[in-house]
Structures are given as C-alpha cells and as structure tokens.
Amino acid sequence: MRTTVLLFSLFTFFYTSCTDDKLPYDASGSFEAVETIVSAEANGVIKKLSLEEGQALNTGQDVGYIDTIQLYLKKKQLEAQAMAVLSKRPNVAAEMAALQEELRHAKREQERLVNLVKADAATPKQLDDATAEMNIIKKRITAQQSSLGITSTSLQEETNPLYAQIEQLNDQLAKSKIINPVKGTVLTKYIEENEMATVGKPLYRIADISSIILRAYINGEKFSNIKVGQPVRVQIDQGKDTFKEYAGVIEWISDKAEFTPKTIQTKDERANLVYAIKVRVKNDGYLKIGMYGQIVLKGENNNK
C-alpha cells in the first residue's frame, strides 16, 4: 500500500513539473467583441422598441421611436407662420399690368406723332412731350419693379428663421426614430416601451459576434515568432480533457510589454512580461464574449 502511494506521488510530481515547464499552448486570453451602446437622441416616452436580447439586427434597421407629437405640432405652427408671412408678398405681374398698359399707350401715341410730324400735321414739341411721357412711364415701371422686388425679398428673408427652426424640428423628428447603427446581436436591453428616454440615455448594447476577437498574451520568447496576418490555431475547452479548435488570424500585436493579467496562469507566471495580441476568429455560435481561449502557433493539436 505504501509503495502504491509513493509511486502515485512521484507520478504527480513529474506530471506537474512537465506541465509547468511546457504548456500545451503558446498564448491564452479571453474572447471579446466591439460593443456599441446605442443611446437616445431625443427626449420623450418610448412608444415602440422592437428588440430583445439575443436578437440579430441589421444596419439601418428601424427598431422603434420616441413620442413626437409635440415636435410635429410645433412644426405645423412654424409652417403656418411662414405661409402667413409669404401671403403678404405682392403680385408683381398684377401690379405691373397697369403700368405696362400705360407704356403701350404712350408708345403708340409717340409713334403716331412721329408720323404726324413727318406730314407737318403736328409740331415737334408735341412729339417731344409724348417721348418724355413714355420715358417717365418706363422709369416708373423700373422703380415699381425694384420696390416690389425689395418687398418680396424682405418677406422671404423674414421666413428664413422660421424655416431654420423647421429644419431643426425635422432633425429632432428624425432622431426620434430609433435606427440601429451597426449590424450585430443585442447583448443587453436597458429600457422598455412606455419608459421615459432622455438624450444620451442608453437604450441597448449591441456587438457583431459573427467573428470574434481573442485577446491573448504571449511571452517575450515567442514574441519574435509572430506577425500580423499570421494564421494560428485557437482552442476552447470542449470537455474535461479535450479542446475544440478554430482557425484564427493575428490582426494586431501590441508594441509594448506588460505584466501578465491576473486571470492568466499561475502566480509565478503573472510576474512575467508579455505582449497582447488580437486574433480574429469566425464564430460558429459556440464562442462567447468572456470565454477563455488559447492559441497554438504550430505543432500538432494537444488534447490532453
């Protein structure tokens, strides 16, 4: 019996020593994704919010809206004010019609007198008077056109601030719609329908987990053997003594060394300096944010 216990102790010692000296992987860490917190861009009660945690959303998908009744009524009021101002614009064509008729009559009279003077049936003074009358009417037309133009421009400029406010309301109305900004899966829902939203208040958190990032840490000895774009093997626990393996690609390597995070390896290992790397892995649905993973740079898979 004592011999059996002794042999078992020796086996445990040698196995532990071998395991500590050489780990079956080159780097380890946890999975993460780029998470986006979508916040409200308007104030009001949420009338609709069509999303649930775990739901997949597309970019630009309409998922709800915030109450817009007051904004809509304010917009209608401003539009009515603008129309009231523009209704005061003069009818240039109607107001110029009478002067144009006077000009045509004066021109016909001037032409008649030209013929009469040639026939010695009228005096040159009569022709000069008719010509002067025609020129006076032309100047009156020019002055009236200028006056009416100034009036129209002034009224149009008076409506510009109203239209600017309408544009602001259009922007607020657009922001009252809750439009999903990025493709991904809803991770957390912070608010429900009929609750009050304010500008900047988080509504939900979303991340694209179709491909996921393993942020791992590699020691200085193996740091020189990796490069951006290098394919690697990523492993996760599949059972007690087996791993599930994925193909990954290194997409970022830190240029600064840091102490190993406390969640990685033993107390002795945490004293070592390591480099952070990011490995992109296509997610088949089994990979989760926060899950532990490890990287094998080369060699056969070790399922121990």
C-alpha atoms as a PDB file:
ATOM      1  CA  MET A   1       0.000   0.000   0.000  1.00  0.00           C
ATOM      2  CA  ARG A   2       2.803   2.397   0.919  1.00  0.00           C
ATOM      3  CA  THR A   3       4.554   1.536  -2.366  1.00  0.00           C
ATOM      4  CA  THR A   4       1.417   2.419  -4.342  1.00  0.00           C
ATOM      5  CA  VAL A   5       1.077   5.817  -2.585  1.00  0.00           C
ATOM      6  CA  LEU A   6       4.758   6.574  -3.187  1.00  0.00           C
ATOM      7  CA  LEU A   7       4.521   5.758  -6.891  1.00  0.00           C
ATOM      8  CA  PHE A   8       1.393   7.893  -7.234  1.00  0.00           C
ATOM      9  CA  SER A   9       3.110  10.853  -5.532  1.00  0.00           C
ATOM     10  CA  LEU A  10       6.144  10.575  -7.808  1.00  0.00           C
ATOM     11  CA  PHE A  11       3.903  10.415 -10.876  1.00  0.00           C
ATOM     12  CA  THR A  12       2.004  13.525  -9.747  1.00  0.00           C
ATOM     13  CA  PHE A  13       5.240  15.432  -9.118  1.00  0.00           C
ATOM     14  CA  PHE A  14       6.754  14.602 -12.514  1.00  0.00           C
ATOM     15  CA  TYR A  15       3.461  15.345 -14.344  1.00  0.00           C
ATOM     16  CA  THR A  16       3.106  18.729 -12.619  1.00  0.00           C
ATOM     17  CA  SER A  17       6.720  19.606 -13.330  1.00  0.00           C
ATOM     18  CA  CYS A  18       6.347  18.805 -17.000  1.00  0.00           C
ATOM     19  CA  THR A  19       3.107  20.735 -17.249  1.00  0.00           C
ATOM     20  CA  ASP A  20       4.549  23.853 -15.601  1.00  0.00           C
ATOM     21  CA  ASP A  21       7.688  23.732 -17.717  1.00  0.00           C
ATOM     22  CA  LYS A  22       5.910  23.443 -21.020  1.00  0.00           C
ATOM     23  CA  LEU A  23       2.304  24.408 -21.534  1.00  0.00           C
ATOM     24  CA  PRO A  24       0.391  22.762 -24.410  1.00  0.00           C
ATOM     25  CA  TYR A  25      -0.327  26.195 -25.965  1.00  0.00           C
ATOM     26  CA  ASP A  26       1.593  29.387 -26.757  1.00  0.00           C
ATOM     27  CA  ALA A  27      -0.769  32.109 -25.554  1.00  0.00           C
ATOM     28  CA  SER A  28      -4.068  32.422 -23.725  1.00  0.00           C
ATOM     29  CA  GLY A  29      -6.708  35.000 -23.049  1.00  0.00           C
ATOM     30  CA  SER A  30     -10.432  35.682 -23.387  1.00  0.00           C
ATOM     31  CA  PHE A  31     -12.794  36.481 -26.224  1.00  0.00           C
ATOM     32  CA  GLU A  32     -14.155  39.973 -26.768  1.00  0.00           C
ATOM     33  CA  ALA A  33     -16.069  41.949 -29.395  1.00  0.00           C
ATOM     34  CA  VAL A  34     -16.505  45.579 -30.381  1.00  0.00           C
ATOM     35  CA  GLU A  35     -19.564  46.599 -28.404  1.00  0.00           C
ATOM     36  CA  THR A  36     -21.715  49.627 -29.234  1.00  0.00           C
ATOM     37  CA  ILE A  37     -24.052  51.272 -26.735  1.00  0.00           C
ATOM     38  CA  VAL A  38     -26.978  52.828 -28.609  1.00  0.00           C
ATOM     39  CA  SER A  39     -28.354  55.867 -26.771  1.00  0.00           C
ATOM     40  CA  ALA A  40     -31.459  58.007 -27.194  1.00  0.00           C
ATOM     41  CA  GLU A  41     -31.095  61.157 -29.303  1.00  0.00           C
ATOM     42  CA  ALA A  42     -34.398  62.720 -28.223  1.00  0.00           C
ATOM     43  CA  ASN A  43     -36.457  63.308 -25.102  1.00  0.00           C
ATOM     44  CA  GLY A  44     -39.823  61.669 -24.581  1.00  0.00           C
ATOM     45  CA  VAL A  45     -41.724  58.472 -23.916  1.00  0.00           C
ATOM     46  CA  ILE A  46     -40.665  55.436 -25.937  1.00  0.00           C
ATOM     47  CA  LYS A  47     -43.737  54.429 -27.906  1.00  0.00           C
ATOM     48  CA  LYS A  48     -42.138  51.457 -29.652  1.00  0.00           C
ATOM     49  CA  LEU A  49     -38.987  49.392 -29.121  1.00  0.00           C
ATOM     50  CA  SER A  50     -38.987  46.202 -31.187  1.00  0.00           C
ATOM     51  CA  LEU A  51     -35.908  44.356 -29.976  1.00  0.00           C
ATOM     52  CA  GLU A  52     -34.975  41.695 -27.459  1.00  0.00           C
ATOM     53  CA  GLU A  53     -31.696  40.441 -26.046  1.00  0.00           C
ATOM     54  CA  GLY A  54     -30.136  37.916 -28.408  1.00  0.00           C
ATOM     55  CA  GLN A  55     -31.917  39.378 -31.443  1.00  0.00           C
ATOM     56  CA  ALA A  56     -29.858  39.946 -34.593  1.00  0.00           C
ATOM     57  CA  LEU A  57     -30.223  43.411 -36.132  1.00  0.00           C
ATOM     58  CA  ASN A  58     -29.084  44.862 -39.439  1.00  0.00           C
ATOM     59  CA  THR A  59     -27.504  48.261 -40.020  1.00  0.00           C
ATOM     60  CA  GLY A  60     -30.184  50.903 -40.544  1.00  0.00           C
ATOM     61  CA  GLN A  61     -32.988  48.736 -39.171  1.00  0.00           C
ATOM     62  CA  ASP A  62     -35.868  50.707 -37.621  1.00  0.00           C
ATOM     63  CA  VAL A  63     -36.410  49.315 -34.115  1.00  0.00           C
ATOM     64  CA  GLY A  64     -38.660  51.937 -32.531  1.00  0.00           C
ATOM     65  CA  TYR A  65     -39.467  55.586 -31.964  1.00  0.00           C
ATOM     66  CA  ILE A  66     -39.873  58.187 -29.223  1.00  0.00           C
ATOM     67  CA  ASP A  67     -43.073  60.245 -28.883  1.00  0.00           C
ATOM     68  CA  THR A  68     -43.032  63.081 -31.454  1.00  0.00           C
ATOM     69  CA  ILE A  69     -46.482  64.707 -31.092  1.00  0.00           C
ATOM     70  CA  GLN A  70     -45.210  67.966 -29.600  1.00  0.00           C
ATOM     71  CA  LEU A  71     -42.450  68.256 -32.192  1.00  0.00           C
ATOM     72  CA  TYR A  72     -44.951  67.659 -35.010  1.00  0.00           C
ATOM     73  CA  LEU A  73     -47.379  70.297 -33.686  1.00  0.00           C
ATOM     74  CA  LYS A  74     -44.563  72.828 -33.311  1.00  0.00           C
ATOM     75  CA  LYS A  75     -43.527  72.161 -36.900  1.00  0.00           C
ATOM     76  CA  LYS A  76     -47.081  72.730 -38.156  1.00  0.00           C
ATOM     77  CA  GLN A  77     -47.236  76.014 -36.241  1.00  0.00           C
ATOM     78  CA  LEU A  78     -43.997  77.265 -37.820  1.00  0.00           C
ATOM     79  CA  GLU A  79     -45.149  76.235 -41.296  1.00  0.00           C
ATOM     80  CA  ALA A  80     -48.381  78.217 -40.784  1.00  0.00           C
ATOM     81  CA  GLN A  81     -46.406  81.274 -39.672  1.00  0.00           C
ATOM     82  CA  ALA A  82     -44.194  81.041 -42.747  1.00  0.00           C
ATOM     83  CA  MET A  83     -47.220  80.780 -45.040  1.00  0.00           C
ATOM     84  CA  ALA A  84     -48.818  83.823 -43.351  1.00  0.00           C
ATOM     85  CA  VAL A  85     -45.709  85.903 -43.992  1.00  0.00           C
ATOM     86  CA  LEU A  86     -45.397  84.778 -47.621  1.00  0.00           C
ATOM     87  CA  SER A  87     -49.056  85.580 -48.260  1.00  0.00           C
ATOM     88  CA  LYS A  88     -48.112  89.277 -47.949  1.00  0.00           C
ATOM     89  CA  ARG A  89     -45.869  89.086 -50.981  1.00  0.00           C
ATOM     90  CA  PRO A  90     -47.074  91.451 -53.748  1.00  0.00           C
ATOM     91  CA  ASN A  91     -48.392  90.076 -57.023  1.00  0.00           C
ATOM     92  CA  VAL A  92     -45.770  91.617 -59.260  1.00  0.00           C
ATOM     93  CA  ALA A  93     -47.470  90.656 -62.535  1.00  0.00           C
ATOM     94  CA  ALA A  94     -50.847  92.128 -61.492  1.00  0.00           C
ATOM     95  CA  GLU A  95     -49.387  95.349 -60.110  1.00  0.00           C
ATOM     96  CA  MET A  96     -47.212  95.895 -63.172  1.00  0.00           C
ATOM     97  CA  ALA A  97     -50.010  95.208 -65.667  1.00  0.00           C
ATOM     98  CA  ALA A  98     -51.498  98.738 -65.423  1.00  0.00           C
ATOM     99  CA  LEU A  99     -48.118 100.446 -65.919  1.00  0.00           C
ATOM    100  CA  GLN A 100     -47.322  98.170 -68.846  1.00  0.00           C
ATOM    101  CA  GLU A 101     -50.643  99.167 -70.469  1.00  0.00           C
ATOM    102  CA  GLU A 102     -49.841 102.874 -69.934  1.00  0.00           C
ATOM    103  CA  LEU A 103     -46.446 102.315 -71.552  1.00  0.00           C
ATOM    104  CA  ARG A 104     -48.004 100.627 -74.600  1.00  0.00           C
ATOM    105  CA  HIS A 105     -50.483 103.508 -74.983  1.00  0.00           C
ATOM    106  CA  ALA A 106     -47.727 106.123 -74.656  1.00  0.00           C
ATOM    107  CA  LYS A 107     -45.569 104.275 -77.198  1.00  0.00           C
ATOM    108  CA  ARG A 108     -48.447 104.183 -79.723  1.00  0.00           C
ATOM    109  CA  GLU A 109     -49.065 107.913 -79.201  1.00  0.00           C
ATOM    110  CA  GLN A 110     -45.379 108.671 -79.676  1.00  0.00           C
ATOM    111  CA  GLU A 111     -45.258 106.645 -82.894  1.00  0.00           C
ATOM    112  CA  ARG A 112     -48.408 108.414 -84.189  1.00  0.00           C
ATOM    113  CA  LEU A 113     -46.866 111.810 -83.528  1.00  0.00           C
ATOM    114  CA  VAL A 114     -43.686 110.796 -85.355  1.00  0.00           C
ATOM    115  CA  ASN A 115     -45.753 110.195 -88.489  1.00  0.00           C
ATOM    116  CA  LEU A 116     -47.731 113.421 -87.989  1.00  0.00           C
ATOM    117  CA  VAL A 117     -44.546 115.487 -87.650  1.00  0.00           C
ATOM    118  CA  LYS A 118     -43.257 113.968 -90.889  1.00  0.00           C
ATOM    119  CA  ALA A 119     -46.537 115.039 -92.537  1.00  0.00           C
ATOM    120  CA  ASP A 120     -46.369 118.504 -90.903  1.00  0.00           C
ATOM    121  CA  ALA A 121     -49.623 117.694 -89.103  1.00  0.00           C
ATOM    122  CA  ALA A 122     -48.091 118.007 -85.598  1.00  0.00           C
ATOM    123  CA  THR A 123     -45.384 120.098 -84.019  1.00  0.00           C
ATOM    124  CA  PRO A 124     -42.028 118.788 -82.825  1.00  0.00           C
ATOM    125  CA  LYS A 125     -42.953 119.940 -79.301  1.00  0.00           C
ATOM    126  CA  GLN A 126     -45.913 117.583 -79.246  1.00  0.00           C
ATOM    127  CA  LEU A 127     -43.578 114.736 -80.237  1.00  0.00           C
ATOM    128  CA  ASP A 128     -41.092 115.718 -77.551  1.00  0.00           C
ATOM    129  CA  ASP A 129     -43.846 115.751 -74.927  1.00  0.00           C
ATOM    130  CA  ALA A 130     -45.049 112.310 -75.998  1.00  0.00           C
ATOM    131  CA  THR A 131     -41.495 110.910 -75.897  1.00  0.00           C
ATOM    132  CA  ALA A 132     -40.926 112.402 -72.433  1.00  0.00           C
ATOM    133  CA  GLU A 133     -44.188 110.859 -71.199  1.00  0.00           C
ATOM    134  CA  MET A 134     -43.130 107.426 -72.485  1.00  0.00           C
ATOM    135  CA  ASN A 135     -39.729 107.706 -70.745  1.00  0.00           C
ATOM    136  CA  ILE A 136     -41.393 108.730 -67.495  1.00  0.00           C
ATOM    137  CA  ILE A 137     -43.616 105.653 -67.582  1.00  0.00           C
ATOM    138  CA  LYS A 138     -40.544 103.427 -68.200  1.00  0.00           C
ATOM    139  CA  LYS A 139     -38.846 104.902 -65.141  1.00  0.00           C
ATOM    140  CA  ARG A 140     -41.984 104.360 -63.080  1.00  0.00           C
ATOM    141  CA  ILE A 141     -42.006 100.715 -64.192  1.00  0.00           C
ATOM    142  CA  THR A 142     -38.342 100.283 -63.201  1.00  0.00           C
ATOM    143  CA  ALA A 143     -38.928 101.919 -59.821  1.00  0.00           C
ATOM    144  CA  GLN A 144     -42.036  99.825 -59.170  1.00  0.00           C
ATOM    145  CA  GLN A 145     -40.246  96.600 -60.101  1.00  0.00           C
ATOM    146  CA  SER A 146     -37.418  97.476 -57.715  1.00  0.00           C
ATOM    147  CA  SER A 147     -39.846  98.293 -54.891  1.00  0.00           C
ATOM    148  CA  LEU A 148     -41.843  95.115 -55.365  1.00  0.00           C
ATOM    149  CA  GLY A 149     -38.644  93.074 -55.566  1.00  0.00           C
ATOM    150  CA  ILE A 150     -37.342  94.536 -52.302  1.00  0.00           C
ATOM    151  CA  THR A 151     -40.671  93.831 -50.599  1.00  0.00           C
ATOM    152  CA  SER A 152     -40.703  90.226 -51.822  1.00  0.00           C
ATOM    153  CA  THR A 153     -37.083  89.680 -50.756  1.00  0.00           C
ATOM    154  CA  SER A 154     -37.720  91.204 -47.339  1.00  0.00           C
ATOM    155  CA  LEU A 155     -40.699  88.925 -46.725  1.00  0.00           C
ATOM    156  CA  GLN A 156     -38.742  85.896 -47.910  1.00  0.00           C
ATOM    157  CA  GLU A 157     -35.880  86.743 -45.555  1.00  0.00           C
ATOM    158  CA  GLU A 158     -38.410  87.134 -42.753  1.00  0.00           C
ATOM    159  CA  THR A 159     -39.360  83.484 -43.204  1.00  0.00           C
ATOM    160  CA  ASN A 160     -35.736  82.220 -43.167  1.00  0.00           C
ATOM    161  CA  PRO A 161     -35.559  81.926 -39.342  1.00  0.00           C
ATOM    162  CA  LEU A 162     -38.879  80.061 -39.400  1.00  0.00           C
ATOM    163  CA  TYR A 163     -37.592  77.601 -41.996  1.00  0.00           C
ATOM    164  CA  ALA A 164     -34.385  77.147 -39.977  1.00  0.00           C
ATOM    165  CA  GLN A 165     -36.495  76.196 -36.949  1.00  0.00           C
ATOM    166  CA  ILE A 166     -38.477  73.794 -39.136  1.00  0.00           C
ATOM    167  CA  GLU A 167     -35.224  72.141 -40.229  1.00  0.00           C
ATOM    168  CA  GLN A 168     -34.208  71.796 -36.591  1.00  0.00           C
ATOM    169  CA  LEU A 169     -37.525  70.132 -35.842  1.00  0.00           C
ATOM    170  CA  ASN A 170     -37.089  67.825 -38.842  1.00  0.00           C
ATOM    171  CA  ASP A 171     -33.722  66.791 -37.408  1.00  0.00           C
ATOM    172  CA  GLN A 172     -35.301  66.168 -33.977  1.00  0.00           C
ATOM    173  CA  LEU A 173     -38.114  64.194 -35.587  1.00  0.00           C
ATOM    174  CA  ALA A 174     -35.553  62.074 -37.448  1.00  0.00           C
ATOM    175  CA  LYS A 175     -33.628  61.479 -34.228  1.00  0.00           C
ATOM    176  CA  SER A 176     -36.835  60.401 -32.522  1.00  0.00           C
ATOM    177  CA  LYS A 177     -36.696  57.295 -34.691  1.00  0.00           C
ATOM    178  CA  ILE A 178     -34.513  54.602 -33.130  1.00  0.00           C
ATOM    179  CA  ILE A 179     -32.388  53.335 -36.010  1.00  0.00           C
ATOM    180  CA  ASN A 180     -29.897  50.565 -35.325  1.00  0.00           C
ATOM    181  CA  PRO A 181     -26.422  51.865 -36.334  1.00  0.00           C
ATOM    182  CA  VAL A 182     -24.440  48.625 -36.670  1.00  0.00           C
ATOM    183  CA  LYS A 183     -25.066  45.035 -37.642  1.00  0.00           C
ATOM    184  CA  GLY A 184     -24.888  42.671 -34.696  1.00  0.00           C
ATOM    185  CA  THR A 185     -26.634  40.883 -31.852  1.00  0.00           C
ATOM    186  CA  VAL A 186     -28.359  42.681 -28.978  1.00  0.00           C
ATOM    187  CA  LEU A 187     -26.406  41.885 -25.821  1.00  0.00           C
ATOM    188  CA  THR A 188     -28.278  43.960 -23.242  1.00  0.00           C
ATOM    189  CA  LYS A 189     -31.557  45.892 -23.292  1.00  0.00           C
ATOM    190  CA  TYR A 190     -31.617  48.807 -20.848  1.00  0.00           C
ATOM    191  CA  ILE A 191     -35.119  50.248 -21.335  1.00  0.00           C
ATOM    192  CA  GLU A 192     -38.659  49.174 -22.209  1.00  0.00           C
ATOM    193  CA  GLU A 193     -41.601  50.675 -24.077  1.00  0.00           C
ATOM    194  CA  ASN A 194     -43.537  53.459 -22.275  1.00  0.00           C
ATOM    195  CA  GLU A 195     -40.482  54.412 -20.229  1.00  0.00           C
ATOM    196  CA  MET A 196     -39.064  57.935 -20.435  1.00  0.00           C
ATOM    197  CA  ALA A 197     -35.972  58.462 -22.557  1.00  0.00           C
ATOM    198  CA  THR A 198     -33.623  61.428 -22.412  1.00  0.00           C
ATOM    199  CA  VAL A 199     -30.853  62.463 -24.765  1.00  0.00           C
ATOM    200  CA  GLY A 200     -27.818  60.279 -24.106  1.00  0.00           C
ATOM    201  CA  LYS A 201     -29.675  57.634 -22.091  1.00  0.00           C
ATOM    202  CA  PRO A 202     -28.521  54.105 -23.104  1.00  0.00           C
ATOM    203  CA  LEU A 203     -31.194  52.051 -24.835  1.00  0.00           C
ATOM    204  CA  TYR A 204     -29.344  48.825 -25.650  1.00  0.00           C
ATOM    205  CA  ARG A 205     -25.889  47.336 -26.213  1.00  0.00           C
ATOM    206  CA  ILE A 206     -25.028  45.533 -29.447  1.00  0.00           C
ATOM    207  CA  ALA A 207     -21.996  43.760 -30.908  1.00  0.00           C
ATOM    208  CA  ASP A 208     -21.195  41.916 -34.115  1.00  0.00           C
ATOM    209  CA  ILE A 209     -20.242  38.445 -32.933  1.00  0.00           C
ATOM    210  CA  SER A 210     -20.223  36.757 -36.349  1.00  0.00           C
ATOM    211  CA  SER A 211     -16.480  36.992 -35.951  1.00  0.00           C
ATOM    212  CA  ILE A 212     -14.965  37.430 -32.524  1.00  0.00           C
ATOM    213  CA  ILE A 213     -11.599  38.532 -31.169  1.00  0.00           C
ATOM    214  CA  LEU A 214      -9.420  36.555 -28.788  1.00  0.00           C
ATOM    215  CA  ARG A 215      -7.237  38.971 -26.840  1.00  0.00           C
ATOM    216  CA  ALA A 216      -4.353  36.801 -25.736  1.00  0.00           C
ATOM    217  CA  TYR A 217      -0.943  37.321 -24.171  1.00  0.00           C
ATOM    218  CA  ILE A 218       2.306  35.862 -25.427  1.00  0.00           C
ATOM    219  CA  ASN A 219       5.666  35.874 -23.686  1.00  0.00           C
ATOM    220  CA  GLY A 220       8.809  37.528 -24.956  1.00  0.00           C
ATOM    221  CA  GLU A 221      10.421  34.296 -26.134  1.00  0.00           C
ATOM    222  CA  LYS A 222       7.638  33.631 -28.644  1.00  0.00           C
ATOM    223  CA  PHE A 223       7.012  37.278 -29.500  1.00  0.00           C
ATOM    224  CA  SER A 224       9.577  37.269 -32.311  1.00  0.00           C
ATOM    225  CA  ASN A 225       7.843  34.307 -33.981  1.00  0.00           C
ATOM    226  CA  ILE A 226       4.536  36.043 -34.726  1.00  0.00           C
ATOM    227  CA  LYS A 227       3.394  38.664 -37.240  1.00  0.00           C
ATOM    228  CA  VAL A 228       0.190  40.390 -38.273  1.00  0.00           C
ATOM    229  CA  GLY A 229      -1.789  38.264 -40.717  1.00  0.00           C
ATOM    230  CA  GLN A 230      -0.283  35.009 -39.440  1.00  0.00           C
ATOM    231  CA  PRO A 231      -2.749  32.086 -39.213  1.00  0.00           C
ATOM    232  CA  VAL A 232      -2.915  30.327 -35.846  1.00  0.00           C
ATOM    233  CA  ARG A 233      -4.973  27.639 -34.162  1.00  0.00           C
ATOM    234  CA  VAL A 234      -7.416  28.727 -31.444  1.00  0.00           C
ATOM    235  CA  GLN A 235      -8.663  26.235 -28.878  1.00  0.00           C
ATOM    236  CA  ILE A 236     -11.507  26.281 -26.362  1.00  0.00           C
ATOM    237  CA  ASP A 237     -12.456  23.667 -23.789  1.00  0.00           C
ATOM    238  CA  GLN A 238     -14.857  21.122 -25.236  1.00  0.00           C
ATOM    239  CA  GLY A 239     -14.815  18.677 -22.382  1.00  0.00           C
ATOM    240  CA  LYS A 240     -12.742  17.698 -19.415  1.00  0.00           C
ATOM    241  CA  ASP A 241      -9.670  16.749 -21.413  1.00  0.00           C
ATOM    242  CA  THR A 242     -10.446  17.847 -24.981  1.00  0.00           C
ATOM    243  CA  PHE A 243     -10.449  21.057 -26.981  1.00  0.00           C
ATOM    244  CA  LYS A 244     -12.483  22.414 -29.856  1.00  0.00           C
ATOM    245  CA  GLU A 245     -10.282  24.061 -32.442  1.00  0.00           C
ATOM    246  CA  TYR A 246     -10.813  27.059 -34.739  1.00  0.00           C
ATOM    247  CA  ALA A 247      -8.743  28.777 -37.411  1.00  0.00           C
ATOM    248  CA  GLY A 248      -7.695  32.293 -36.465  1.00  0.00           C
ATOM    249  CA  VAL A 249      -5.623  35.149 -37.862  1.00  0.00           C
ATOM    250  CA  ILE A 250      -3.481  37.579 -35.880  1.00  0.00           C
ATOM    251  CA  GLU A 251      -4.737  41.071 -36.696  1.00  0.00           C
ATOM    252  CA  TRP A 252      -2.960  43.179 -34.049  1.00  0.00           C
ATOM    253  CA  ILE A 253       0.189  42.932 -31.952  1.00  0.00           C
ATOM    254  CA  SER A 254       0.992  45.306 -29.123  1.00  0.00           C
ATOM    255  CA  ASP A 255       4.384  47.025 -29.310  1.00  0.00           C
ATOM    256  CA  LYS A 256       4.615  47.392 -25.533  1.00  0.00           C
ATOM    257  CA  ALA A 257       5.242  44.734 -22.912  1.00  0.00           C
ATOM    258  CA  GLU A 258       3.045  44.467 -19.832  1.00  0.00           C
ATOM    259  CA  PHE A 259       2.692  42.238 -16.809  1.00  0.00           C
ATOM    260  CA  THR A 260       0.541  39.178 -17.424  1.00  0.00           C
ATOM    261  CA  PRO A 261      -3.107  39.796 -16.365  1.00  0.00           C
ATOM    262  CA  LYS A 262      -4.009  38.151 -13.064  1.00  0.00           C
ATOM    263  CA  THR A 263      -6.506  35.868 -14.738  1.00  0.00           C
ATOM    264  CA  ILE A 264      -3.773  34.242 -16.799  1.00  0.00           C
ATOM    265  CA  GLN A 265      -1.727  31.289 -15.478  1.00  0.00           C
ATOM    266  CA  THR A 266      -0.155  30.882 -12.071  1.00  0.00           C
ATOM    267  CA  LYS A 267       1.144  33.439  -9.617  1.00  0.00           C
ATOM    268  CA  ASP A 268       4.675  32.851 -10.896  1.00  0.00           C
ATOM    269  CA  GLU A 269       3.592  33.355 -14.491  1.00  0.00           C
ATOM    270  CA  ARG A 270       1.906  36.662 -13.615  1.00  0.00           C
ATOM    271  CA  ALA A 271       5.281  38.158 -12.796  1.00  0.00           C
ATOM    272  CA  ASN A 272       6.460  37.744 -16.392  1.00  0.00           C
ATOM    273  CA  LEU A 273       6.239  40.414 -19.053  1.00  0.00           C
ATOM    274  CA  VAL A 274       4.039  39.553 -22.016  1.00  0.00           C
ATOM    275  CA  TYR A 275       2.685  41.169 -25.182  1.00  0.00           C
ATOM    276  CA  ALA A 276      -1.007  41.477 -26.006  1.00  0.00           C
ATOM    277  CA  ILE A 277      -2.233  40.220 -29.359  1.00  0.00           C
ATOM    278  CA  LYS A 278      -5.638  40.066 -31.046  1.00  0.00           C
ATOM    279  CA  VAL A 279      -6.706  37.045 -33.062  1.00  0.00           C
ATOM    280  CA  ARG A 280      -9.799  37.204 -35.265  1.00  0.00           C
ATOM    281  CA  VAL A 281     -11.879  34.002 -35.266  1.00  0.00           C
ATOM    282  CA  LYS A 282     -15.005  33.195 -37.269  1.00  0.00           C
ATOM    283  CA  ASN A 283     -17.756  32.404 -34.783  1.00  0.00           C
ATOM    284  CA  ASP A 284     -19.911  29.325 -35.313  1.00  0.00           C
ATOM    285  CA  GLY A 285     -22.143  30.301 -32.402  1.00  0.00           C
ATOM    286  CA  TYR A 286     -20.219  28.500 -29.682  1.00  0.00           C
ATOM    287  CA  LEU A 287     -17.780  31.313 -28.963  1.00  0.00           C
ATOM    288  CA  LYS A 288     -18.990  33.770 -26.312  1.00  0.00           C
ATOM    289  CA  ILE A 289     -17.722  37.089 -25.047  1.00  0.00           C
ATOM    290  CA  GLY A 290     -15.606  36.500 -21.929  1.00  0.00           C
ATOM    291  CA  MET A 291     -14.940  32.842 -22.743  1.00  0.00           C
ATOM    292  CA  TYR A 292     -11.402  31.579 -22.150  1.00  0.00           C
ATOM    293  CA  GLY A 293      -9.322  30.524 -25.168  1.00  0.00           C
ATOM    294  CA  GLN A 294      -5.784  29.560 -26.032  1.00  0.00           C
ATOM    295  CA  ILE A 295      -3.562  29.822 -29.091  1.00  0.00           C
ATOM    296  CA  VAL A 296      -1.246  27.250 -30.649  1.00  0.00           C
ATOM    297  CA  LEU A 297       1.237  28.712 -33.100  1.00  0.00           C
ATOM    298  CA  LYS A 298       2.475  25.437 -34.587  1.00  0.00           C
ATOM    299  CA  GLY A 299       2.682  21.718 -33.967  1.00  0.00           C
ATOM    300  CA  GLU A 300       0.031  19.073 -33.608  1.00  0.00           C
ATOM    301  CA  ASN A 301      -3.082  19.620 -31.514  1.00  0.00           C
ATOM    302  CA  ASN A 302      -2.623  18.517 -27.922  1.00  0.00           C
ATOM    303  CA  ASN A 303      -5.905  17.269 -26.479  1.00  0.00           C
ATOM    304  CA  LYS A 304      -4.556  16.389 -23.078  1.00  0.00           C
END
